[in-house]
């Protein structure tokens, strides 16, 4: 993740009042996207998850 300004090939999506920018083509493949901030014994950071297309290694599950 990085701070950026949207471009012509970007899609905007909101998750809990925060707006994210992602390339439109990638967004179509991975939507919906969920972004969480987590604290764990290994440290704190962002956890980004999505439901990938059925033809990926995870199959049709969203638990990847």
Foldseek 3Di string as FASTA:
>chain_A
DDDDDDDPQWDWDDDPRDIDIDGPVVCVFWPPKHWDWDQDPVGIDIDIFTQGDCPDPVHRDRPD
